[in-house]
């Protein structure tokens, strides 16, 4: 099975899923952290069966946080 990569999830998510299923491709989504609405929709699609299985997730946090941020509380770790 091949890969069908998609950067982001907008209003065309249903079309992307249909195209992936029809072409027997794996749909890869890149969902940015601040797009919580997209994450909620992804959860809904998984629960409803539109997306069968999530094979892998990866969280990359590219935001710079100063040492003062980490020093401000014990639970903030690097």
PDB file of N, CA and C in Angstrom:
ATOM      1  N   UNK A   1       0.849  -1.177   0.000  1.00  0.00           N
ATOM      2  CA  UNK A   1       0.000   0.000   0.000  1.00  0.00           C
ATOM      3  C   UNK A   1       0.892   1.236   0.000  1.00  0.00           C
ATOM      4  N   UNK A   2       0.598   2.189  -0.853  1.00  0.00           N
ATOM      5  CA  UNK A   2       1.395   3.397  -0.961  1.00  0.00           C
ATOM      6  C   UNK A   2       1.019   4.437   0.066  1.00  0.00           C
ATOM      7  N   UNK A   3       1.612   5.588  -0.053  1.00  0.00           N
ATOM      8  CA  UNK A   3       1.360   6.682   0.881  1.00  0.00           C
ATOM      9  C   UNK A   3       0.776   7.877   0.145  1.00  0.00           C
ATOM     10  N   UNK A   4      -0.190   8.494   0.763  1.00  0.00           N
ATOM     11  CA  UNK A   4      -0.775   9.726   0.248  1.00  0.00           C
ATOM     12  C   UNK A   4      -0.624  10.763   1.338  1.00  0.00           C
ATOM     13  N   UNK A   5       0.318  11.677   1.195  1.00  0.00           N
ATOM     14  CA  UNK A   5       0.596  12.660   2.236  1.00  0.00           C
ATOM     15  C   UNK A   5      -0.242  13.914   2.082  1.00  0.00           C
ATOM     16  N   UNK A   6      -0.702  14.437   3.188  1.00  0.00           N
ATOM     17  CA  UNK A   6      -1.501  15.655   3.186  1.00  0.00           C
ATOM     18  C   UNK A   6      -1.007  16.540   4.310  1.00  0.00           C
ATOM     19  N   UNK A   7      -0.631  17.761   4.025  1.00  0.00           N
ATOM     20  CA  UNK A   7      -0.168  18.688   5.055  1.00  0.00           C
ATOM     21  C   UNK A   7      -1.318  19.542   5.553  1.00  0.00           C
ATOM     22  N   UNK A   8      -1.889  19.161   6.643  1.00  0.00           N
ATOM     23  CA  UNK A   8      -2.998  19.924   7.206  1.00  0.00           C
ATOM     24  C   UNK A   8      -4.339  19.260   6.950  1.00  0.00           C
ATOM     25  N   UNK A   9      -5.348  19.659   7.704  1.00  0.00           N
ATOM     26  CA  UNK A   9      -6.679  19.098   7.520  1.00  0.00           C
ATOM     27  C   UNK A   9      -7.671  20.238   7.515  1.00  0.00           C
ATOM     28  N   UNK A  10      -8.196  20.562   6.372  1.00  0.00           N
ATOM     29  CA  UNK A  10      -9.167  21.635   6.252  1.00  0.00           C
ATOM     30  C   UNK A  10     -10.536  21.081   5.919  1.00  0.00           C
ATOM     31  N   UNK A  11     -11.317  21.862   5.204  1.00  0.00           N
ATOM     32  CA  UNK A  11     -12.684  21.470   4.892  1.00  0.00           C
ATOM     33  C   UNK A  11     -12.748  20.319   3.900  1.00  0.00           C
ATOM     34  N   UNK A  12     -11.648  19.975   3.283  1.00  0.00           N
ATOM     35  CA  UNK A  12     -11.626  18.903   2.287  1.00  0.00           C
ATOM     36  C   UNK A  12     -11.260  17.544   2.876  1.00  0.00           C
ATOM     37  N   UNK A  13     -11.314  17.397   4.198  1.00  0.00           N
ATOM     38  CA  UNK A  13     -10.877  16.141   4.814  1.00  0.00           C
ATOM     39  C   UNK A  13     -11.675  14.942   4.317  1.00  0.00           C
ATOM     40  N   UNK A  14     -12.982  15.083   4.091  1.00  0.00           N
ATOM     41  CA  UNK A  14     -13.798  13.964   3.608  1.00  0.00           C
ATOM     42  C   UNK A  14     -13.331  13.520   2.226  1.00  0.00           C
ATOM     43  N   UNK A  15     -13.030  14.482   1.374  1.00  0.00           N
ATOM     44  CA  UNK A  15     -12.546  14.156   0.034  1.00  0.00           C
ATOM     45  C   UNK A  15     -11.206  13.434   0.118  1.00  0.00           C
ATOM     46  N   UNK A  16     -10.326  13.885   1.009  1.00  0.00           N
ATOM     47  CA  UNK A  16      -9.019  13.243   1.163  1.00  0.00           C
ATOM     48  C   UNK A  16      -9.179  11.792   1.590  1.00  0.00           C
ATOM     49  N   UNK A  17     -10.093  11.542   2.526  1.00  0.00           N
ATOM     50  CA  UNK A  17     -10.325  10.178   3.003  1.00  0.00           C
ATOM     51  C   UNK A  17     -10.859   9.309   1.871  1.00  0.00           C
ATOM     52  N   UNK A  18     -11.816   9.826   1.099  1.00  0.00           N
ATOM     53  CA  UNK A  18     -12.389   9.071  -0.021  1.00  0.00           C
ATOM     54  C   UNK A  18     -11.331   8.746  -1.068  1.00  0.00           C
ATOM     55  N   UNK A  19     -10.497   9.726  -1.393  1.00  0.00           N
ATOM     56  CA  UNK A  19      -9.439   9.510  -2.382  1.00  0.00           C
ATOM     57  C   UNK A  19      -8.455   8.456  -1.880  1.00  0.00           C
ATOM     58  N   UNK A  20      -8.088   8.534  -0.611  1.00  0.00           N
ATOM     59  CA  UNK A  20      -7.154   7.560  -0.040  1.00  0.00           C
ATOM     60  C   UNK A  20      -7.739   6.155  -0.087  1.00  0.00           C
ATOM     61  N   UNK A  21      -9.011   6.019   0.288  1.00  0.00           N
ATOM     62  CA  UNK A  21      -9.653   4.702   0.263  1.00  0.00           C
ATOM     63  C   UNK A  21      -9.742   4.164  -1.164  1.00  0.00           C
ATOM     64  N   UNK A  22     -10.184   5.010  -2.080  1.00  0.00           N
ATOM     65  CA  UNK A  22     -10.369   4.590  -3.468  1.00  0.00           C
ATOM     66  C   UNK A  22      -9.046   4.173  -4.109  1.00  0.00           C
ATOM     67  N   UNK A  23      -7.995   4.898  -3.814  1.00  0.00           N
ATOM     68  CA  UNK A  23      -6.690   4.604  -4.407  1.00  0.00           C
ATOM     69  C   UNK A  23      -5.873   3.618  -3.576  1.00  0.00           C
ATOM     70  N   UNK A  24      -6.464   3.131  -2.478  1.00  0.00           N
ATOM     71  CA  UNK A  24      -5.797   2.178  -1.577  1.00  0.00           C
ATOM     72  C   UNK A  24      -4.458   2.722  -1.087  1.00  0.00           C
ATOM     73  N   UNK A  25      -4.492   3.981  -0.709  1.00  0.00           N
ATOM     74  CA  UNK A  25      -3.313   4.642  -0.166  1.00  0.00           C
ATOM     75  C   UNK A  25      -3.504   4.882   1.323  1.00  0.00           C
ATOM     76  N   UNK A  26      -2.414   5.069   2.016  1.00  0.00           N
ATOM     77  CA  UNK A  26      -2.444   5.443   3.425  1.00  0.00           C
ATOM     78  C   UNK A  26      -2.482   6.966   3.478  1.00  0.00           C
ATOM     79  N   UNK A  27      -3.402   7.509   4.242  1.00  0.00           N
ATOM     80  CA  UNK A  27      -3.539   8.959   4.357  1.00  0.00           C
ATOM     81  C   UNK A  27      -2.710   9.456   5.534  1.00  0.00           C
ATOM     82  N   UNK A  28      -1.775  10.349   5.263  1.00  0.00           N
ATOM     83  CA  UNK A  28      -0.937  10.947   6.296  1.00  0.00           C
ATOM     84  C   UNK A  28      -1.391  12.375   6.515  1.00  0.00           C
ATOM     85  N   UNK A  29      -1.664  12.725   7.756  1.00  0.00           N
ATOM     86  CA  UNK A  29      -2.113  14.073   8.081  1.00  0.00           C
ATOM     87  C   UNK A  29      -1.089  14.768   8.961  1.00  0.00           C
ATOM     88  N   UNK A  30      -0.857  16.022   8.690  1.00  0.00           N
ATOM     89  CA  UNK A  30      -0.007  16.848   9.530  1.00  0.00           C
ATOM     90  C   UNK A  30      -0.917  17.888  10.165  1.00  0.00           C
ATOM     91  N   UNK A  31      -1.194  17.728  11.439  1.00  0.00           N
ATOM     92  CA  UNK A  31      -2.122  18.621  12.127  1.00  0.00           C
ATOM     93  C   UNK A  31      -1.340  19.451  13.127  1.00  0.00           C
ATOM     94  N   UNK A  32      -1.347  20.744  12.940  1.00  0.00           N
ATOM     95  CA  UNK A  32      -0.603  21.639  13.827  1.00  0.00           C
ATOM     96  C   UNK A  32      -1.292  21.735  15.175  1.00  0.00           C
ATOM     97  N   UNK A  33      -0.491  21.919  16.215  1.00  0.00           N
ATOM     98  CA  UNK A  33      -0.979  21.910  17.586  1.00  0.00           C
ATOM     99  C   UNK A  33      -2.091  22.874  17.902  1.00  0.00           C
ATOM    100  N   UNK A  34      -2.053  24.065  17.317  1.00  0.00           N
ATOM    101  CA  UNK A  34      -3.068  25.043  17.677  1.00  0.00           C
ATOM    102  C   UNK A  34      -4.396  24.786  16.987  1.00  0.00           C
ATOM    103  N   UNK A  35      -4.451  23.817  16.111  1.00  0.00           N
ATOM    104  CA  UNK A  35      -5.686  23.513  15.401  1.00  0.00           C
ATOM    105  C   UNK A  35      -6.483  22.451  16.145  1.00  0.00           C
ATOM    106  N   UNK A  36      -6.895  22.764  17.356  1.00  0.00           N
ATOM    107  CA  UNK A  36      -7.590  21.781  18.177  1.00  0.00           C
ATOM    108  C   UNK A  36      -8.896  21.329  17.537  1.00  0.00           C
ATOM    109  N   UNK A  37      -9.519  22.171  16.737  1.00  0.00           N
ATOM    110  CA  UNK A  37     -10.738  21.779  16.038  1.00  0.00           C
ATOM    111  C   UNK A  37     -10.442  20.607  15.095  1.00  0.00           C
ATOM    112  N   UNK A  38      -9.288  20.642  14.454  1.00  0.00           N
ATOM    113  CA  UNK A  38      -8.888  19.550  13.571  1.00  0.00           C
ATOM    114  C   UNK A  38      -8.668  18.264  14.351  1.00  0.00           C
ATOM    115  N   UNK A  39      -8.046  18.382  15.507  1.00  0.00           N
ATOM    116  CA  UNK A  39      -7.824  17.183  16.327  1.00  0.00           C
ATOM    117  C   UNK A  39      -9.142  16.582  16.774  1.00  0.00           C
ATOM    118  N   UNK A  40     -10.102  17.444  17.145  1.00  0.00           N
ATOM    119  CA  UNK A  40     -11.427  16.939  17.543  1.00  0.00           C
ATOM    120  C   UNK A  40     -12.103  16.221  16.377  1.00  0.00           C
ATOM    121  N   UNK A  41     -11.986  16.769  15.181  1.00  0.00           N
ATOM    122  CA  UNK A  41     -12.590  16.152  14.002  1.00  0.00           C
ATOM    123  C   UNK A  41     -11.916  14.826  13.691  1.00  0.00           C
ATOM    124  N   UNK A  42     -10.607  14.759  13.822  1.00  0.00           N
ATOM    125  CA  UNK A  42      -9.888  13.511  13.599  1.00  0.00           C
ATOM    126  C   UNK A  42     -10.364  12.440  14.569  1.00  0.00           C
ATOM    127  N   UNK A  43     -10.550  12.806  15.835  1.00  0.00           N
ATOM    128  CA  UNK A  43     -11.056  11.860  16.830  1.00  0.00           C
ATOM    129  C   UNK A  43     -12.458  11.381  16.450  1.00  0.00           C
ATOM    130  N   UNK A  44     -13.299  12.311  16.010  1.00  0.00           N
ATOM    131  CA  UNK A  44     -14.665  11.972  15.601  1.00  0.00           C
ATOM    132  C   UNK A  44     -14.657  11.012  14.407  1.00  0.00           C
ATOM    133  N   UNK A  45     -13.816  11.297  13.409  1.00  0.00           N
ATOM    134  CA  UNK A  45     -13.738  10.444  12.231  1.00  0.00           C
ATOM    135  C   UNK A  45     -13.252   9.044  12.577  1.00  0.00           C
ATOM    136  N   UNK A  46     -12.333   8.950  13.526  1.00  0.00           N
ATOM    137  CA  UNK A  46     -11.847   7.649  13.968  1.00  0.00           C
ATOM    138  C   UNK A  46     -12.951   6.897  14.699  1.00  0.00           C
ATOM    139  N   UNK A  47     -13.639   7.584  15.588  1.00  0.00           N
ATOM    140  CA  UNK A  47     -14.723   6.965  16.361  1.00  0.00           C
ATOM    141  C   UNK A  47     -15.859   6.496  15.456  1.00  0.00           C
ATOM    142  N   UNK A  48     -16.191   7.298  14.441  1.00  0.00           N
ATOM    143  CA  UNK A  48     -17.286   6.970  13.529  1.00  0.00           C
ATOM    144  C   UNK A  48     -16.916   5.909  12.499  1.00  0.00           C
ATOM    145  N   UNK A  49     -15.636   5.560  12.429  1.00  0.00           N
ATOM    146  CA  UNK A  49     -15.206   4.526  11.499  1.00  0.00           C
ATOM    147  C   UNK A  49     -14.775   5.035  10.134  1.00  0.00           C
ATOM    148  N   UNK A  50     -14.820   6.343   9.903  1.00  0.00           N
ATOM    149  CA  UNK A  50     -14.363   6.892   8.625  1.00  0.00           C
ATOM    150  C   UNK A  50     -12.863   6.665   8.463  1.00  0.00           C
ATOM    151  N   UNK A  51     -12.153   6.709   9.573  1.00  0.00           N
ATOM    152  CA  UNK A  51     -10.733   6.366   9.611  1.00  0.00           C
ATOM    153  C   UNK A  51     -10.636   5.093  10.437  1.00  0.00           C
ATOM    154  N   UNK A  52     -10.106   4.038   9.846  1.00  0.00           N
ATOM    155  CA  UNK A  52     -10.089   2.754  10.538  1.00  0.00           C
ATOM    156  C   UNK A  52      -9.070   2.681  11.659  1.00  0.00           C
ATOM    157  N   UNK A  53      -7.886   3.138  11.390  1.00  0.00           N
ATOM    158  CA  UNK A  53      -6.816   2.908  12.355  1.00  0.00           C
ATOM    159  C   UNK A  53      -5.777   4.017  12.249  1.00  0.00           C
ATOM    160  N   UNK A  54      -5.320   4.478  13.396  1.00  0.00           N
ATOM    161  CA  UNK A  54      -4.200   5.416  13.428  1.00  0.00           C
ATOM    162  C   UNK A  54      -2.969   4.585  13.755  1.00  0.00           C
ATOM    163  N   UNK A  55      -2.046   4.534  12.816  1.00  0.00           N
ATOM    164  CA  UNK A  55      -0.882   3.674  12.968  1.00  0.00           C
ATOM    165  C   UNK A  55       0.241   4.328  13.758  1.00  0.00           C
ATOM    166  N   UNK A  56       0.336   5.648  13.689  1.00  0.00           N
ATOM    167  CA  UNK A  56       1.450   6.312  14.358  1.00  0.00           C
ATOM    168  C   UNK A  56       1.106   7.771  14.589  1.00  0.00           C
ATOM    169  N   UNK A  57       1.565   8.287  15.695  1.00  0.00           N
ATOM    170  CA  UNK A  57       1.462   9.719  15.954  1.00  0.00           C
ATOM    171  C   UNK A  57       2.839  10.236  16.336  1.00  0.00           C
ATOM    172  N   UNK A  58       3.065  11.480  16.072  1.00  0.00           N
ATOM    173  CA  UNK A  58       4.340  12.102  16.407  1.00  0.00           C
ATOM    174  C   UNK A  58       4.071  13.541  16.807  1.00  0.00           C
ATOM    175  N   UNK A  59       4.619  13.924  17.919  1.00  0.00           N
ATOM    176  CA  UNK A  59       4.454  15.294  18.388  1.00  0.00           C
ATOM    177  C   UNK A  59       5.814  15.983  18.349  1.00  0.00           C
ATOM    178  N   UNK A  60       5.888  17.025  17.584  1.00  0.00           N
ATOM    179  CA  UNK A  60       7.107  17.821  17.506  1.00  0.00           C
ATOM    180  C   UNK A  60       6.741  19.234  17.933  1.00  0.00           C
ATOM    181  N   UNK A  61       7.422  19.734  18.931  1.00  0.00           N
ATOM    182  CA  UNK A  61       7.123  21.059  19.466  1.00  0.00           C
ATOM    183  C   UNK A  61       8.235  22.014  19.056  1.00  0.00           C
ATOM    184  N   UNK A  62       8.034  22.786  17.994  1.00  0.00           N
ATOM    185  CA  UNK A  62       9.103  23.632  17.478  1.00  0.00           C
ATOM    186  C   UNK A  62       9.216  24.999  18.145  1.00  0.00           C
ATOM    187  N   UNK A  63       8.391  25.266  19.141  1.00  0.00           N
ATOM    188  CA  UNK A  63       8.392  26.597  19.733  1.00  0.00           C
ATOM    189  C   UNK A  63       9.551  26.767  20.707  1.00  0.00           C
ATOM    190  N   UNK A  64      10.186  27.910  20.647  1.00  0.00           N
ATOM    191  CA  UNK A  64      11.280  28.215  21.565  1.00  0.00           C
ATOM    192  C   UNK A  64      10.705  28.680  22.893  1.00  0.00           C
ATOM    193  N   UNK A  65      11.195  28.092  23.950  1.00  0.00           N
ATOM    194  CA  UNK A  65      10.834  28.511  25.304  1.00  0.00           C
ATOM    195  C   UNK A  65      12.126  28.803  26.052  1.00  0.00           C
ATOM    196  N   UNK A  66      12.191  29.945  26.669  1.00  0.00           N
ATOM    197  CA  UNK A  66      13.416  30.364  27.356  1.00  0.00           C
ATOM    198  C   UNK A  66      13.657  29.531  28.611  1.00  0.00           C
ATOM    199  N   UNK A  67      14.865  29.599  29.120  1.00  0.00           N
ATOM    200  CA  UNK A  67      15.197  28.902  30.359  1.00  0.00           C
ATOM    201  C   UNK A  67      14.345  29.428  31.509  1.00  0.00           C
ATOM    202  N   UNK A  68      14.003  30.705  31.482  1.00  0.00           N
ATOM    203  CA  UNK A  68      13.143  31.285  32.524  1.00  0.00           C
ATOM    204  C   UNK A  68      11.792  30.572  32.579  1.00  0.00           C
ATOM    205  N   UNK A  69      11.280  30.175  31.438  1.00  0.00           N
ATOM    206  CA  UNK A  69      10.017  29.429  31.398  1.00  0.00           C
ATOM    207  C   UNK A  69      10.164  28.116  32.165  1.00  0.00           C
ATOM    208  N   UNK A  70      11.219  27.377  31.865  1.00  0.00           N
ATOM    209  CA  UNK A  70      11.428  26.088  32.530  1.00  0.00           C
ATOM    210  C   UNK A  70      11.719  26.258  34.019  1.00  0.00           C
ATOM    211  N   UNK A  71      12.403  27.329  34.377  1.00  0.00           N
ATOM    212  CA  UNK A  71      12.730  27.584  35.781  1.00  0.00           C
ATOM    213  C   UNK A  71      11.522  28.050  36.590  1.00  0.00           C
ATOM    214  N   UNK A  72      10.458  28.455  35.928  1.00  0.00           N
ATOM    215  CA  UNK A  72       9.308  29.034  36.633  1.00  0.00           C
ATOM    216  C   UNK A  72       8.440  28.007  37.353  1.00  0.00           C
ATOM    217  N   UNK A  73       8.610  26.731  37.053  1.00  0.00           N
ATOM    218  CA  UNK A  73       7.807  25.707  37.717  1.00  0.00           C
ATOM    219  C   UNK A  73       8.510  24.357  37.637  1.00  0.00           C
ATOM    220  N   UNK A  74       8.360  23.554  38.669  1.00  0.00           N
ATOM    221  CA  UNK A  74       9.032  22.255  38.749  1.00  0.00           C
ATOM    222  C   UNK A  74       8.576  21.308  37.638  1.00  0.00           C
ATOM    223  N   UNK A  75       7.293  21.329  37.289  1.00  0.00           N
ATOM    224  CA  UNK A  75       6.766  20.371  36.317  1.00  0.00           C
ATOM    225  C   UNK A  75       7.179  20.663  34.881  1.00  0.00           C
ATOM    226  N   UNK A  76       7.746  21.812  34.618  1.00  0.00           N
ATOM    227  CA  UNK A  76       8.179  22.140  33.257  1.00  0.00           C
ATOM    228  C   UNK A  76       9.567  21.570  33.018  1.00  0.00           C
ATOM    229  N   UNK A  77       9.632  20.581  32.163  1.00  0.00           N
ATOM    230  CA  UNK A  77      10.908  19.915  31.907  1.00  0.00           C
ATOM    231  C   UNK A  77      11.334  20.110  30.462  1.00  0.00           C
ATOM    232  N   UNK A  78      12.591  19.834  30.202  1.00  0.00           N
ATOM    233  CA  UNK A  78      13.110  19.948  28.839  1.00  0.00           C
ATOM    234  C   UNK A  78      12.949  18.652  28.099  1.00  0.00           C
TER     235      UNK A  78
END
